[in-house]
Amino acid sequence: MSCLTRLIMIFIGGQLMAGASVQFIFDLNAVHHSSDGVFWREFFKELIMRPPLYVMISGMVFLFVGVCFPRKSR
């Protein structure tokens, strides 16, 4: 994998993880406003049904591939 491809993979992974972080904050804010307190068990049950978790996982996969995949052999 060339250096440019690795940089693009790392950039995509970082962007996906940043977007998922913002979505996590909005989801946590929505759960907090709908009840008096944050019930973590209910939040995590709801979290597995929503896209931010899977966007974060795909961002981690892109970062892992971009960082750990071996360079092109000569």
N, C-alpha and C. Protein backbone atom coordinates (compact mmCIF):
# COMPACT_ATOMS: atom_id res chain seq x y z
N MET A 1 0.86 -1.16 0.00
CA MET A 1 0.00 0.00 0.00
C MET A 1 0.90 1.23 0.00
N SER A 2 0.63 2.17 -0.87
CA SER A 2 1.48 3.35 -0.98
C SER A 2 1.21 4.32 0.19
N CYS A 3 2.11 5.25 0.33
CA CYS A 3 2.01 6.22 1.42
C CYS A 3 0.75 7.07 1.27
N LEU A 4 0.44 7.46 0.05
CA LEU A 4 -0.75 8.29 -0.19
C LEU A 4 -2.03 7.53 0.16
N THR A 5 -2.08 6.26 -0.20
CA THR A 5 -3.26 5.45 0.13
C THR A 5 -3.41 5.30 1.62
N ARG A 6 -2.29 5.10 2.32
CA ARG A 6 -2.34 4.99 3.78
C ARG A 6 -2.84 6.29 4.41
N LEU A 7 -2.35 7.42 3.92
CA LEU A 7 -2.80 8.71 4.45
C LEU A 7 -4.29 8.93 4.20
N ILE A 8 -4.76 8.53 3.05
CA ILE A 8 -6.19 8.68 2.74
C ILE A 8 -7.03 7.79 3.66
N MET A 9 -6.57 6.55 3.90
CA MET A 9 -7.29 5.65 4.80
C MET A 9 -7.34 6.22 6.22
N ILE A 10 -6.22 6.77 6.68
CA ILE A 10 -6.17 7.36 8.03
C ILE A 10 -7.09 8.57 8.10
N PHE A 11 -7.09 9.39 7.06
CA PHE A 11 -7.96 10.57 7.03
C PHE A 11 -9.44 10.17 7.05
N ILE A 12 -9.80 9.18 6.26
CA ILE A 12 -11.20 8.71 6.24
C ILE A 12 -11.59 8.16 7.61
N GLY A 13 -10.72 7.37 8.22
CA GLY A 13 -11.00 6.83 9.53
C GLY A 13 -11.17 7.91 10.59
N GLY A 14 -10.31 8.92 10.54
CA GLY A 14 -10.43 10.03 11.50
C GLY A 14 -11.72 10.80 11.31
N GLN A 15 -12.11 11.03 10.07
CA GLN A 15 -13.35 11.76 9.80
C GLN A 15 -14.57 10.96 10.26
N LEU A 16 -14.56 9.66 10.00
CA LEU A 16 -15.69 8.83 10.45
C LEU A 16 -15.79 8.81 11.97
N MET A 17 -14.65 8.72 12.65
CA MET A 17 -14.69 8.69 14.10
C MET A 17 -15.11 10.04 14.67
N ALA A 18 -14.68 11.13 14.06
CA ALA A 18 -15.09 12.45 14.54
C ALA A 18 -16.60 12.65 14.35
N GLY A 19 -17.12 12.23 13.20
CA GLY A 19 -18.56 12.35 12.95
C GLY A 19 -19.37 11.50 13.92
N ALA A 20 -18.88 10.30 14.20
CA ALA A 20 -19.59 9.42 15.14
C ALA A 20 -19.55 10.01 16.56
N SER A 21 -18.46 10.67 16.92
CA SER A 21 -18.38 11.28 18.25
C SER A 21 -19.43 12.38 18.41
N VAL A 22 -19.60 13.17 17.38
CA VAL A 22 -20.62 14.23 17.43
C VAL A 22 -22.02 13.61 17.53
N GLN A 23 -22.25 12.55 16.77
CA GLN A 23 -23.55 11.89 16.84
C GLN A 23 -23.79 11.26 18.20
N PHE A 24 -22.73 10.72 18.84
CA PHE A 24 -22.86 10.18 20.20
C PHE A 24 -23.29 11.28 21.17
N ILE A 25 -22.69 12.45 21.03
CA ILE A 25 -23.03 13.57 21.93
C ILE A 25 -24.48 13.98 21.74
N PHE A 26 -24.94 14.06 20.48
CA PHE A 26 -26.33 14.41 20.23
C PHE A 26 -27.29 13.36 20.77
N ASP A 27 -26.94 12.08 20.63
CA ASP A 27 -27.79 11.01 21.16
C ASP A 27 -27.85 11.07 22.68
N LEU A 28 -26.71 11.30 23.32
CA LEU A 28 -26.69 11.39 24.77
C LEU A 28 -27.49 12.60 25.25
N ASN A 29 -27.42 13.70 24.51
CA ASN A 29 -28.19 14.88 24.84
C ASN A 29 -29.69 14.61 24.70
N ALA A 30 -30.08 13.87 23.67
CA ALA A 30 -31.50 13.55 23.47
C ALA A 30 -32.01 12.65 24.58
N VAL A 31 -31.20 11.69 25.02
CA VAL A 31 -31.61 10.81 26.11
C VAL A 31 -31.70 11.59 27.41
N HIS A 32 -30.79 12.53 27.61
CA HIS A 32 -30.79 13.32 28.84
C HIS A 32 -32.01 14.23 28.92
N HIS A 33 -32.43 14.81 27.79
CA HIS A 33 -33.59 15.71 27.79
C HIS A 33 -34.91 14.95 27.89
N SER A 34 -34.92 13.70 27.48
CA SER A 34 -36.18 12.96 27.53
C SER A 34 -36.45 12.36 28.91
N SER A 35 -35.45 12.37 29.79
CA SER A 35 -35.65 11.85 31.14
C SER A 35 -34.96 12.78 32.13
N ASP A 36 -35.17 12.54 33.41
CA ASP A 36 -34.56 13.38 34.44
C ASP A 36 -33.06 13.15 34.55
N GLY A 37 -32.62 11.95 34.33
CA GLY A 37 -31.20 11.62 34.41
C GLY A 37 -30.83 10.70 33.28
N VAL A 38 -29.56 10.43 33.19
CA VAL A 38 -29.10 9.53 32.15
C VAL A 38 -29.05 8.12 32.73
N PHE A 39 -29.80 7.23 32.12
CA PHE A 39 -29.77 5.83 32.50
C PHE A 39 -28.89 5.12 31.50
N TRP A 40 -27.68 4.77 31.92
CA TRP A 40 -26.68 4.27 31.01
C TRP A 40 -27.09 2.95 30.36
N ARG A 41 -27.77 2.10 31.11
CA ARG A 41 -28.18 0.82 30.54
C ARG A 41 -29.13 1.04 29.37
N GLU A 42 -30.09 1.94 29.53
CA GLU A 42 -31.03 2.22 28.43
C GLU A 42 -30.34 2.93 27.28
N PHE A 43 -29.38 3.80 27.59
CA PHE A 43 -28.65 4.49 26.54
C PHE A 43 -27.87 3.49 25.68
N PHE A 44 -27.21 2.51 26.32
CA PHE A 44 -26.43 1.54 25.55
C PHE A 44 -27.33 0.57 24.79
N LYS A 45 -28.51 0.28 25.35
CA LYS A 45 -29.45 -0.55 24.60
C LYS A 45 -29.91 0.16 23.33
N GLU A 46 -30.14 1.47 23.46
CA GLU A 46 -30.55 2.25 22.30
C GLU A 46 -29.40 2.46 21.32
N LEU A 47 -28.20 2.51 21.86
CA LEU A 47 -27.03 2.81 21.05
C LEU A 47 -26.76 1.72 20.01
N ILE A 48 -26.99 0.46 20.35
CA ILE A 48 -26.69 -0.59 19.39
C ILE A 48 -27.70 -0.63 18.24
N MET A 49 -28.79 0.10 18.36
CA MET A 49 -29.78 0.15 17.28
C MET A 49 -29.59 1.35 16.37
N ARG A 50 -28.61 2.22 16.66
CA ARG A 50 -28.44 3.46 15.91
C ARG A 50 -27.12 3.46 15.14
N PRO A 51 -27.01 4.25 14.08
CA PRO A 51 -25.82 4.23 13.22
C PRO A 51 -24.50 4.70 13.84
N PRO A 52 -24.46 5.61 14.82
CA PRO A 52 -23.15 6.11 15.26
C PRO A 52 -22.18 5.03 15.74
N LEU A 53 -22.68 3.99 16.36
CA LEU A 53 -21.80 2.91 16.81
C LEU A 53 -21.11 2.25 15.62
N TYR A 54 -21.85 2.00 14.56
CA TYR A 54 -21.29 1.32 13.41
C TYR A 54 -20.40 2.25 12.58
N VAL A 55 -20.71 3.54 12.59
CA VAL A 55 -19.83 4.51 11.94
C VAL A 55 -18.50 4.58 12.68
N MET A 56 -18.55 4.55 14.02
CA MET A 56 -17.33 4.56 14.82
C MET A 56 -16.50 3.29 14.58
N ILE A 57 -17.15 2.15 14.51
CA ILE A 57 -16.43 0.90 14.26
C ILE A 57 -15.78 0.91 12.88
N SER A 58 -16.50 1.41 11.87
CA SER A 58 -15.90 1.47 10.53
C SER A 58 -14.74 2.46 10.49
N GLY A 59 -14.83 3.57 11.24
CA GLY A 59 -13.71 4.50 11.34
C GLY A 59 -12.50 3.86 11.98
N MET A 60 -12.73 3.05 13.01
CA MET A 60 -11.61 2.34 13.66
C MET A 60 -10.97 1.34 12.70
N VAL A 61 -11.79 0.68 11.89
CA VAL A 61 -11.24 -0.27 10.92
C VAL A 61 -10.39 0.45 9.89
N PHE A 62 -10.86 1.59 9.38
CA PHE A 62 -10.06 2.36 8.42
C PHE A 62 -8.75 2.81 9.04
N LEU A 63 -8.79 3.31 10.28
CA LEU A 63 -7.56 3.72 10.95
C LEU A 63 -6.62 2.54 11.14
N PHE A 64 -7.14 1.42 11.57
CA PHE A 64 -6.30 0.25 11.78
C PHE A 64 -5.64 -0.20 10.49
N VAL A 65 -6.40 -0.26 9.41
CA VAL A 65 -5.83 -0.67 8.13
C VAL A 65 -4.79 0.34 7.65
N GLY A 66 -5.10 1.63 7.80
CA GLY A 66 -4.16 2.65 7.36
C GLY A 66 -2.86 2.67 8.14
N VAL A 67 -2.93 2.35 9.42
CA VAL A 67 -1.73 2.40 10.26
C VAL A 67 -0.97 1.07 10.21
N CYS A 68 -1.66 -0.04 10.26
CA CYS A 68 -1.01 -1.33 10.46
C CYS A 68 -0.77 -2.14 9.19
N PHE A 69 -1.37 -1.76 8.09
CA PHE A 69 -1.17 -2.53 6.86
C PHE A 69 0.26 -2.31 6.37
N PRO A 70 0.95 -3.37 5.95
CA PRO A 70 2.35 -3.22 5.55
C PRO A 70 2.50 -2.37 4.29
N ARG A 71 3.64 -1.71 4.23
CA ARG A 71 3.93 -0.89 3.06
C ARG A 71 4.17 -1.76 1.84
N LYS A 72 4.12 -1.12 0.68
CA LYS A 72 4.32 -1.85 -0.57
C LYS A 72 5.77 -2.36 -0.62
N SER A 73 5.92 -3.62 -0.91
CA SER A 73 7.27 -4.19 -0.99
C SER A 73 7.89 -3.81 -2.33
N ARG A 74 9.19 -3.67 -2.30
CA ARG A 74 9.89 -3.26 -3.53
C ARG A 74 10.46 -4.44 -4.24
